[in-house]
Amino acid sequence: MAITKNSIIGDVLDKHPETAELFFSIGMHCLGCPASRGETIEEACMVHGADVDALVDSLNEATGE
């Protein structure tokens, strides 16, 4: 199943731990925090000032979705 902006970060990391580097690369260094694992990708991008569409595209490319 493709990753969307509504995907929960923790779910993505559980299924595809290799994607952590993509989150780190845009400044999301709080991936170990319980609160961040429950956020959607869109919510996290809003907080970090990142382009949600670019991140989702990168995540799907990295996971072959």
Protein backbone atom coordinates (compact mmCIF):
# COMPACT_ATOMS: atom_id res chain seq x y z
CA MET A 1 0.00 0.00 0.00
CA ALA A 2 1.30 3.42 -0.94
CA ILE A 3 2.35 5.91 1.72
CA THR A 4 0.21 9.06 1.83
CA LYS A 5 0.33 12.33 3.74
CA ASN A 6 -2.21 10.77 6.11
CA SER A 7 0.02 7.79 6.92
CA ILE A 8 1.11 7.54 10.54
CA ILE A 9 4.86 7.94 10.93
CA GLY A 10 5.13 5.02 13.36
CA ASP A 11 3.32 2.71 10.94
CA VAL A 12 5.66 3.71 8.12
CA LEU A 13 8.74 3.17 10.29
CA ASP A 14 7.49 -0.19 11.57
CA LYS A 15 6.98 -1.48 8.04
CA HIS A 16 9.92 0.33 6.43
CA PRO A 17 12.59 1.20 9.04
CA GLU A 18 14.97 2.19 6.26
CA THR A 19 12.86 5.33 5.69
CA ALA A 20 14.09 6.89 8.95
CA GLU A 21 16.95 8.49 7.02
CA LEU A 22 14.44 10.36 4.84
CA PHE A 23 12.72 11.76 7.91
CA PHE A 24 16.11 12.70 9.43
CA SER A 25 17.19 14.41 6.20
CA ILE A 26 14.45 17.02 6.51
CA GLY A 27 15.02 17.71 10.20
CA MET A 28 12.69 15.20 11.83
CA HIS A 29 15.10 14.02 14.50
CA CYS A 30 12.35 13.23 17.01
CA LEU A 31 11.36 9.85 15.57
CA GLY A 32 11.96 8.08 18.86
CA CYS A 33 9.49 10.31 20.67
CA PRO A 34 6.19 8.50 21.32
CA ALA A 35 4.19 11.55 20.25
CA SER A 36 5.91 11.81 16.87
CA ARG A 37 5.24 8.16 16.06
CA GLY A 38 1.51 8.89 16.29
CA GLU A 39 1.56 11.89 13.97
CA THR A 40 0.65 11.81 10.33
CA ILE A 41 3.33 12.68 7.82
CA GLU A 42 1.39 15.84 6.99
CA GLU A 43 1.27 16.95 10.64
CA ALA A 44 5.00 16.42 11.06
CA CYS A 45 5.79 18.29 7.86
CA MET A 46 3.71 21.24 9.02
CA VAL A 47 5.62 21.39 12.31
CA HIS A 48 9.00 21.08 10.59
CA GLY A 49 8.24 23.34 7.62
CA ALA A 50 8.84 20.55 5.12
CA ASP A 51 7.15 19.85 1.79
CA VAL A 52 4.77 16.97 2.48
CA ASP A 53 4.35 16.03 -1.18
CA ALA A 54 8.10 15.81 -1.76
CA LEU A 55 8.57 13.65 1.34
CA VAL A 56 5.70 11.32 0.42
CA ASP A 57 7.14 10.94 -3.09
CA SER A 58 10.57 10.13 -1.64
CA LEU A 59 9.10 7.62 0.83
CA ASN A 60 7.14 5.82 -1.86
CA GLU A 61 10.17 5.74 -4.14
CA ALA A 62 12.35 4.34 -1.36
CA THR A 63 9.85 1.63 -0.48
CA GLY A 64 8.89 0.72 -4.02
CA GLU A 65 5.25 1.60 -3.37
